[in-house]
Amino acid sequence: MATKPTPFKAALSFPNRTIAYFYSQIEQQKQVLQRVHDVLPATIAHHVIHCVVNGKKLLVYTDTAAWASQLRFYNGAILAAIAPVTRESVSIMQIKVRVETLQTTSRQGRTPIIPSAEKIELIRNHSLSVSDQQLKLALLRLSATLAKLSERQATA
C-alpha cells in the first residue's frame, strides 16, 4: 500500500526574505571579523571575539579591557580594511568588553592563602615605621586581620 504524502511543509522550505536577510547579516559579520583578524597582529587578533556593523558604527567585542585599549590604536586600519565588505560606510569604531558569566566561580569552595606568622609580623613592624598615618593604620589593620585568620586556620 502506498503512503500518502503529508500536507505538512517545513518552515524553511518557504521562500522567506527575512531569514535570507539574517543569513546575509551573519555572513557579513563573519567577513568583517576575518578582515579585522587579517589587519591586526596575531597577539591582538586572538582577543577579538565578535564584530558587528550597526549603521555607521563598527562594534568590536574583546575579552578584556587591556586588549580593548590596544585595539584603539588600530582604529584607522580596521575601518579601512572593512570598507569593501560593509554595505554602508562605517566611520565609527566602538570597542566593547564582553564579560563571561560562566567563568565566575563560587567562593565557597576556595580557601584563602594566609601568609606565615613571620610575614604578618613583618607587615606589623613595617607599619610602625611608616610616617603616613593613613597607611600606618591600614597596615596595622591588615596585620591584625591576617593574624586572626591565621589563628582560625590553625585551630580548624
N, C-alpha and C. Protein backbone atom coordinates (compact mmCIF):
# COMPACT_ATOMS: atom_id res chain seq x y z
N MET A 1 0.84 -1.16 0.00
CA MET A 1 0.00 0.00 0.00
C MET A 1 0.90 1.24 0.00
N ALA A 2 0.61 2.21 -0.82
CA ALA A 2 1.39 3.43 -0.95
C ALA A 2 1.06 4.39 0.19
N THR A 3 2.12 5.05 0.67
CA THR A 3 1.89 6.01 1.75
C THR A 3 1.48 7.35 1.16
N LYS A 4 0.63 7.98 1.84
CA LYS A 4 0.11 9.27 1.41
C LYS A 4 1.09 10.38 1.84
N PRO A 5 1.48 11.30 0.96
CA PRO A 5 2.38 12.37 1.37
C PRO A 5 1.69 13.29 2.39
N THR A 6 2.47 13.74 3.34
CA THR A 6 1.91 14.60 4.39
C THR A 6 1.74 16.01 3.85
N PRO A 7 0.69 16.67 4.24
CA PRO A 7 0.48 18.05 3.78
C PRO A 7 1.37 19.05 4.51
N PHE A 8 2.08 18.59 5.53
CA PHE A 8 2.93 19.49 6.31
C PHE A 8 4.18 19.86 5.52
N LYS A 9 4.56 21.13 5.54
CA LYS A 9 5.74 21.62 4.85
C LYS A 9 6.64 22.31 5.88
N ALA A 10 7.92 22.01 5.83
CA ALA A 10 8.86 22.59 6.80
C ALA A 10 8.91 24.10 6.65
N ALA A 11 9.14 24.78 7.75
CA ALA A 11 9.14 26.24 7.74
C ALA A 11 10.24 26.82 6.85
N LEU A 12 11.40 26.18 6.80
CA LEU A 12 12.50 26.70 6.00
C LEU A 12 12.32 26.45 4.50
N SER A 13 11.36 25.64 4.12
CA SER A 13 11.15 25.39 2.71
C SER A 13 10.37 26.51 2.03
N PHE A 14 9.72 27.37 2.79
CA PHE A 14 9.01 28.52 2.22
C PHE A 14 10.02 29.61 1.88
N PRO A 15 9.78 30.33 0.80
CA PRO A 15 10.68 31.46 0.48
C PRO A 15 10.45 32.57 1.51
N ASN A 16 11.50 32.92 2.21
CA ASN A 16 11.37 33.90 3.27
C ASN A 16 12.53 34.88 3.18
N ARG A 17 12.23 36.10 2.91
CA ARG A 17 13.28 37.11 2.76
C ARG A 17 13.91 37.48 4.10
N THR A 18 13.16 37.36 5.17
CA THR A 18 13.69 37.71 6.49
C THR A 18 14.82 36.78 6.89
N ILE A 19 14.62 35.49 6.71
CA ILE A 19 15.67 34.53 7.07
C ILE A 19 16.88 34.72 6.17
N ALA A 20 16.63 34.97 4.88
CA ALA A 20 17.74 35.20 3.95
C ALA A 20 18.52 36.45 4.36
N TYR A 21 17.82 37.48 4.82
CA TYR A 21 18.48 38.70 5.27
C TYR A 21 19.35 38.42 6.49
N PHE A 22 18.84 37.64 7.43
CA PHE A 22 19.62 37.31 8.62
C PHE A 22 20.86 36.49 8.27
N TYR A 23 20.70 35.55 7.33
CA TYR A 23 21.86 34.77 6.90
C TYR A 23 22.90 35.67 6.23
N SER A 24 22.45 36.66 5.47
CA SER A 24 23.42 37.57 4.84
C SER A 24 24.11 38.44 5.89
N GLN A 25 23.37 38.83 6.93
CA GLN A 25 23.97 39.60 8.02
C GLN A 25 25.05 38.78 8.74
N ILE A 26 24.75 37.52 8.99
CA ILE A 26 25.72 36.64 9.66
C ILE A 26 26.96 36.48 8.80
N GLU A 27 26.76 36.30 7.49
CA GLU A 27 27.89 36.16 6.58
C GLU A 27 28.74 37.43 6.54
N GLN A 28 28.07 38.59 6.55
CA GLN A 28 28.79 39.86 6.56
C GLN A 28 29.60 40.00 7.85
N GLN A 29 29.04 39.62 8.99
CA GLN A 29 29.75 39.71 10.25
C GLN A 29 30.97 38.79 10.25
N LYS A 30 30.84 37.60 9.66
CA LYS A 30 31.99 36.70 9.56
C LYS A 30 33.09 37.32 8.69
N GLN A 31 32.71 37.94 7.57
CA GLN A 31 33.69 38.56 6.69
C GLN A 31 34.38 39.74 7.37
N VAL A 32 33.61 40.55 8.09
CA VAL A 32 34.18 41.69 8.81
C VAL A 32 35.15 41.19 9.87
N LEU A 33 34.77 40.17 10.61
CA LEU A 33 35.65 39.61 11.64
C LEU A 33 36.94 39.08 11.01
N GLN A 34 36.83 38.43 9.87
CA GLN A 34 38.02 37.91 9.19
C GLN A 34 38.92 39.06 8.74
N ARG A 35 38.35 40.13 8.22
CA ARG A 35 39.15 41.29 7.80
C ARG A 35 39.86 41.93 8.99
N VAL A 36 39.15 42.02 10.11
CA VAL A 36 39.76 42.61 11.32
C VAL A 36 40.90 41.72 11.80
N HIS A 37 40.71 40.41 11.79
CA HIS A 37 41.78 39.49 12.19
C HIS A 37 42.97 39.60 11.25
N ASP A 38 42.72 39.82 9.96
CA ASP A 38 43.81 39.92 8.98
C ASP A 38 44.66 41.17 9.19
N VAL A 39 44.04 42.28 9.59
CA VAL A 39 44.76 43.54 9.70
C VAL A 39 45.50 43.69 11.04
N LEU A 40 45.10 42.92 12.04
CA LEU A 40 45.70 43.04 13.37
C LEU A 40 46.87 42.07 13.54
N PRO A 41 47.81 42.40 14.44
CA PRO A 41 48.84 41.42 14.80
C PRO A 41 48.19 40.21 15.47
N ALA A 42 48.83 39.07 15.35
CA ALA A 42 48.25 37.81 15.83
C ALA A 42 47.93 37.85 17.32
N THR A 43 48.78 38.50 18.12
CA THR A 43 48.55 38.52 19.57
C THR A 43 47.27 39.28 19.92
N ILE A 44 46.98 40.34 19.18
CA ILE A 44 45.78 41.12 19.46
C ILE A 44 44.57 40.50 18.77
N ALA A 45 44.76 39.99 17.55
CA ALA A 45 43.64 39.41 16.79
C ALA A 45 43.01 38.24 17.52
N HIS A 46 43.81 37.53 18.28
CA HIS A 46 43.30 36.38 19.03
C HIS A 46 42.24 36.80 20.05
N HIS A 47 42.28 38.04 20.51
CA HIS A 47 41.38 38.51 21.55
C HIS A 47 40.15 39.24 21.01
N VAL A 48 40.03 39.38 19.69
CA VAL A 48 38.82 39.95 19.11
C VAL A 48 37.82 38.82 18.94
N ILE A 49 36.68 38.92 19.61
CA ILE A 49 35.72 37.84 19.65
C ILE A 49 34.65 37.99 18.56
N HIS A 50 34.03 39.17 18.48
CA HIS A 50 32.96 39.41 17.52
C HIS A 50 33.12 40.79 16.92
N CYS A 51 32.57 40.97 15.72
CA CYS A 51 32.48 42.27 15.08
C CYS A 51 31.08 42.40 14.49
N VAL A 52 30.42 43.51 14.77
CA VAL A 52 29.07 43.75 14.28
C VAL A 52 29.00 45.16 13.71
N VAL A 53 28.45 45.27 12.50
CA VAL A 53 28.24 46.59 11.89
C VAL A 53 26.82 46.99 12.22
N ASN A 54 26.68 48.16 12.84
CA ASN A 54 25.38 48.67 13.23
C ASN A 54 25.28 50.10 12.71
N GLY A 55 24.69 50.26 11.54
CA GLY A 55 24.60 51.58 10.92
C GLY A 55 25.96 52.03 10.47
N LYS A 56 26.40 53.17 10.95
CA LYS A 56 27.73 53.70 10.61
C LYS A 56 28.77 53.37 11.68
N LYS A 57 28.41 52.43 12.55
CA LYS A 57 29.28 52.09 13.67
C LYS A 57 29.71 50.64 13.60
N LEU A 58 30.99 50.39 13.86
CA LEU A 58 31.50 49.03 13.97
C LEU A 58 31.70 48.74 15.45
N LEU A 59 31.04 47.69 15.92
CA LEU A 59 31.20 47.26 17.31
C LEU A 59 32.17 46.09 17.32
N VAL A 60 33.26 46.24 18.06
CA VAL A 60 34.27 45.20 18.18
C VAL A 60 34.24 44.71 19.62
N TYR A 61 34.02 43.41 19.80
CA TYR A 61 33.94 42.82 21.13
C TYR A 61 35.24 42.09 21.44
N THR A 62 35.78 42.36 22.62
CA THR A 62 37.01 41.72 23.07
C THR A 62 36.79 41.15 24.46
N ASP A 63 37.78 40.39 24.95
CA ASP A 63 37.58 39.70 26.23
C ASP A 63 38.03 40.49 27.45
N THR A 64 38.97 41.43 27.32
CA THR A 64 39.40 42.22 28.48
C THR A 64 39.60 43.68 28.10
N ALA A 65 39.61 44.52 29.10
CA ALA A 65 39.79 45.95 28.87
C ALA A 65 41.21 46.26 28.41
N ALA A 66 42.17 45.46 28.80
CA ALA A 66 43.55 45.68 28.38
C ALA A 66 43.69 45.54 26.87
N TRP A 67 43.04 44.54 26.30
CA TRP A 67 43.09 44.36 24.84
C TRP A 67 42.25 45.41 24.15
N ALA A 68 41.21 45.89 24.79
CA ALA A 68 40.40 46.96 24.20
C ALA A 68 41.23 48.23 24.02
N SER A 69 42.07 48.53 25.00
CA SER A 69 42.90 49.72 24.87
C SER A 69 43.94 49.56 23.75
N GLN A 70 44.42 48.35 23.53
CA GLN A 70 45.36 48.09 22.43
C GLN A 70 44.66 48.22 21.08
N LEU A 71 43.40 47.79 21.00
CA LEU A 71 42.66 47.85 19.75
C LEU A 71 42.41 49.28 19.29
N ARG A 72 42.33 50.22 20.21
CA ARG A 72 42.07 51.61 19.84
C ARG A 72 43.14 52.16 18.91
N PHE A 73 44.36 51.66 19.02
CA PHE A 73 45.45 52.16 18.19
C PHE A 73 45.31 51.71 16.72
N TYR A 74 44.50 50.71 16.47
CA TYR A 74 44.30 50.18 15.12
C TYR A 74 42.99 50.64 14.51
N ASN A 75 42.40 51.70 15.04
CA ASN A 75 41.11 52.20 14.59
C ASN A 75 41.09 52.47 13.09
N GLY A 76 42.02 53.25 12.60
CA GLY A 76 42.05 53.62 11.18
C GLY A 76 42.28 52.42 10.27
N ALA A 77 43.19 51.54 10.67
CA ALA A 77 43.50 50.36 9.86
C ALA A 77 42.30 49.42 9.79
N ILE A 78 41.60 49.26 10.88
CA ILE A 78 40.43 48.37 10.91
C ILE A 78 39.31 48.93 10.04
N LEU A 79 39.04 50.24 10.17
CA LEU A 79 37.96 50.84 9.38
C LEU A 79 38.28 50.78 7.89
N ALA A 80 39.54 50.96 7.53
CA ALA A 80 39.93 50.88 6.12
C ALA A 80 39.82 49.45 5.60
N ALA A 81 40.12 48.47 6.43
CA ALA A 81 40.10 47.07 5.99
C ALA A 81 38.68 46.55 5.78
N ILE A 82 37.72 47.04 6.56
CA ILE A 82 36.36 46.52 6.44
C ILE A 82 35.52 47.28 5.42
N ALA A 83 36.02 48.39 4.90
CA ALA A 83 35.24 49.21 3.96
C ALA A 83 34.72 48.43 2.76
N PRO A 84 35.51 47.55 2.11
CA PRO A 84 34.97 46.83 0.95
C PRO A 84 33.88 45.80 1.30
N VAL A 85 33.82 45.37 2.54
CA VAL A 85 32.90 44.30 2.93
C VAL A 85 31.55 44.84 3.37
N THR A 86 31.52 46.02 3.96
CA THR A 86 30.29 46.54 4.55
C THR A 86 29.38 47.17 3.49
N ARG A 87 28.09 47.13 3.77
CA ARG A 87 27.10 47.71 2.86
C ARG A 87 27.06 49.23 2.98
N GLU A 88 27.24 49.73 4.19
CA GLU A 88 27.24 51.17 4.45
C GLU A 88 28.65 51.61 4.78
N SER A 89 28.89 52.91 4.66
CA SER A 89 30.21 53.41 5.04
C SER A 89 30.28 53.51 6.56
N VAL A 90 31.25 52.82 7.14
CA VAL A 90 31.42 52.80 8.58
C VAL A 90 32.46 53.84 8.95
N SER A 91 32.11 54.74 9.87
CA SER A 91 33.04 55.81 10.24
C SER A 91 33.41 55.80 11.71
N ILE A 92 32.74 55.00 12.52
CA ILE A 92 33.00 54.98 13.96
C ILE A 92 33.28 53.54 14.38
N MET A 93 34.32 53.37 15.19
CA MET A 93 34.59 52.06 15.77
C MET A 93 34.42 52.16 17.28
N GLN A 94 33.62 51.29 17.83
CA GLN A 94 33.40 51.26 19.27
C GLN A 94 33.82 49.89 19.77
N ILE A 95 34.62 49.88 20.83
CA ILE A 95 35.13 48.62 21.37
C ILE A 95 34.39 48.32 22.66
N LYS A 96 33.91 47.09 22.77
CA LYS A 96 33.18 46.67 23.96
C LYS A 96 33.86 45.46 24.56
N VAL A 97 33.83 45.38 25.87
CA VAL A 97 34.40 44.24 26.58
C VAL A 97 33.27 43.29 26.90
N ARG A 98 33.43 42.06 26.46
CA ARG A 98 32.42 41.04 26.70
C ARG A 98 32.79 40.28 27.96
N VAL A 99 31.92 40.30 28.94
CA VAL A 99 32.18 39.65 30.21
C VAL A 99 31.57 38.26 30.16
N GLU A 100 32.38 37.27 30.46
CA GLU A 100 31.90 35.90 30.50
C GLU A 100 31.27 35.64 31.86
N THR A 101 30.01 35.28 31.87
CA THR A 101 29.34 34.98 33.14
C THR A 101 29.59 33.55 33.58
N LEU A 102 29.99 32.68 32.67
CA LEU A 102 30.22 31.29 33.03
C LEU A 102 31.52 31.10 33.79
N GLN A 103 32.43 32.06 33.71
CA GLN A 103 33.73 31.91 34.35
C GLN A 103 33.70 32.27 35.83
N THR A 104 32.63 32.86 36.28
CA THR A 104 32.55 33.19 37.69
C THR A 104 32.37 31.92 38.49
N THR A 105 33.17 31.76 39.51
CA THR A 105 33.11 30.56 40.32
C THR A 105 32.65 30.93 41.73
N SER A 106 32.16 29.96 42.41
CA SER A 106 31.69 30.16 43.77
C SER A 106 32.89 30.28 44.71
N ARG A 107 32.80 31.18 45.67
CA ARG A 107 33.88 31.37 46.63
C ARG A 107 33.80 30.37 47.78
N GLN A 108 32.73 29.59 47.84
CA GLN A 108 32.55 28.69 48.97
C GLN A 108 33.61 27.60 48.98
N GLY A 109 34.04 27.13 47.83
CA GLY A 109 34.98 26.03 47.77
C GLY A 109 36.43 26.46 47.90
N ARG A 110 36.70 27.75 47.84
CA ARG A 110 38.08 28.22 47.89
C ARG A 110 38.46 28.66 49.29
N THR A 111 39.70 28.38 49.67
CA THR A 111 40.20 28.86 50.96
C THR A 111 41.29 29.88 50.69
N PRO A 112 41.31 30.96 51.44
CA PRO A 112 42.33 31.98 51.22
C PRO A 112 43.71 31.49 51.65
N ILE A 113 44.73 32.02 50.99
CA ILE A 113 46.11 31.69 51.36
C ILE A 113 46.57 32.74 52.36
N ILE A 114 46.80 32.33 53.56
CA ILE A 114 47.22 33.22 54.64
C ILE A 114 48.74 33.19 54.73
N PRO A 115 49.37 34.37 54.79
CA PRO A 115 50.83 34.38 54.93
C PRO A 115 51.28 33.80 56.27
N SER A 116 52.54 33.48 56.34
CA SER A 116 53.08 32.90 57.59
C SER A 116 53.10 33.95 58.70
N ALA A 117 53.30 33.48 59.93
CA ALA A 117 53.33 34.38 61.09
C ALA A 117 54.48 35.37 60.97
N GLU A 118 55.59 34.95 60.37
CA GLU A 118 56.74 35.85 60.20
C GLU A 118 56.39 37.00 59.26
N LYS A 119 55.68 36.69 58.17
CA LYS A 119 55.29 37.74 57.21
C LYS A 119 54.30 38.71 57.85
N ILE A 120 53.37 38.18 58.64
CA ILE A 120 52.40 39.04 59.32
C ILE A 120 53.12 39.97 60.29
N GLU A 121 54.09 39.43 61.02
CA GLU A 121 54.86 40.25 61.96
C GLU A 121 55.68 41.29 61.22
N LEU A 122 56.21 40.94 60.04
CA LEU A 122 56.97 41.89 59.22
C LEU A 122 56.09 43.06 58.78
N ILE A 123 54.85 42.76 58.38
CA ILE A 123 53.91 43.83 57.99
C ILE A 123 53.61 44.73 59.18
N ARG A 124 53.40 44.13 60.34
CA ARG A 124 53.11 44.91 61.55
C ARG A 124 54.28 45.80 61.94
N ASN A 125 55.49 45.26 61.92
CA ASN A 125 56.67 46.05 62.27
C ASN A 125 56.92 47.17 61.26
N HIS A 126 56.67 46.87 60.00
CA HIS A 126 56.87 47.91 58.97
C HIS A 126 55.86 49.04 59.14
N SER A 127 54.64 48.69 59.55
CA SER A 127 53.62 49.72 59.73
C SER A 127 53.99 50.70 60.83
N LEU A 128 54.75 50.24 61.82
CA LEU A 128 55.15 51.13 62.92
C LEU A 128 56.18 52.16 62.48
N SER A 129 56.92 51.87 61.41
CA SER A 129 57.94 52.80 60.95
C SER A 129 57.46 53.72 59.83
N VAL A 130 56.22 53.57 59.37
CA VAL A 130 55.69 54.40 58.29
C VAL A 130 55.25 55.74 58.85
N SER A 131 55.60 56.82 58.13
CA SER A 131 55.26 58.15 58.62
C SER A 131 53.83 58.56 58.27
N ASP A 132 53.29 58.07 57.17
CA ASP A 132 51.92 58.40 56.76
C ASP A 132 50.93 57.70 57.68
N GLN A 133 50.11 58.47 58.39
CA GLN A 133 49.20 57.92 59.37
C GLN A 133 48.13 57.01 58.75
N GLN A 134 47.62 57.39 57.59
CA GLN A 134 46.58 56.60 56.95
C GLN A 134 47.13 55.23 56.51
N LEU A 135 48.33 55.23 55.95
CA LEU A 135 48.97 53.97 55.54
C LEU A 135 49.33 53.14 56.76
N LYS A 136 49.81 53.79 57.82
CA LYS A 136 50.16 53.09 59.05
C LYS A 136 48.96 52.37 59.62
N LEU A 137 47.82 53.06 59.68
CA LEU A 137 46.60 52.47 60.20
C LEU A 137 46.13 51.30 59.33
N ALA A 138 46.22 51.46 58.01
CA ALA A 138 45.79 50.39 57.09
C ALA A 138 46.66 49.15 57.26
N LEU A 139 47.97 49.34 57.40
CA LEU A 139 48.87 48.19 57.58
C LEU A 139 48.66 47.50 58.92
N LEU A 140 48.37 48.28 59.95
CA LEU A 140 48.07 47.69 61.26
C LEU A 140 46.78 46.85 61.21
N ARG A 141 45.77 47.38 60.55
CA ARG A 141 44.52 46.63 60.41
C ARG A 141 44.74 45.36 59.60
N LEU A 142 45.52 45.46 58.52
CA LEU A 142 45.81 44.29 57.70
C LEU A 142 46.52 43.22 58.51
N SER A 143 47.53 43.62 59.27
CA SER A 143 48.27 42.63 60.05
C SER A 143 47.38 42.01 61.13
N ALA A 144 46.49 42.78 61.72
CA ALA A 144 45.57 42.25 62.74
C ALA A 144 44.59 41.25 62.11
N THR A 145 44.07 41.59 60.95
CA THR A 145 43.14 40.69 60.26
C THR A 145 43.83 39.40 59.85
N LEU A 146 45.02 39.51 59.31
CA LEU A 146 45.77 38.32 58.89
C LEU A 146 46.11 37.44 60.10
N ALA A 147 46.43 38.07 61.23
CA ALA A 147 46.73 37.29 62.44
C ALA A 147 45.50 36.52 62.91
N LYS A 148 44.31 37.16 62.87
CA LYS A 148 43.07 36.47 63.26
C LYS A 148 42.79 35.30 62.32
N LEU A 149 42.94 35.53 61.01
CA LEU A 149 42.67 34.47 60.05
C LEU A 149 43.68 33.31 60.21
N SER A 150 44.91 33.66 60.53
CA SER A 150 45.92 32.64 60.74
C SER A 150 45.58 31.78 61.95
N GLU A 151 45.11 32.42 63.03
CA GLU A 151 44.70 31.67 64.22
C GLU A 151 43.52 30.75 63.94
N ARG A 152 42.52 31.25 63.18
CA ARG A 152 41.35 30.43 62.84
C ARG A 152 41.76 29.24 61.98
N GLN A 153 42.67 29.47 61.05
CA GLN A 153 43.10 28.39 60.17
C GLN A 153 43.88 27.33 60.95
N ALA A 154 44.65 27.76 61.96
CA ALA A 154 45.42 26.83 62.76
C ALA A 154 44.53 25.97 63.63
N THR A 155 43.42 26.52 64.15
CA THR A 155 42.53 25.77 65.02
C THR A 155 41.57 24.88 64.23
N ALA A 156 41.37 25.18 62.98
CA ALA A 156 40.41 24.39 62.18
C ALA A 156 40.95 23.09 61.69
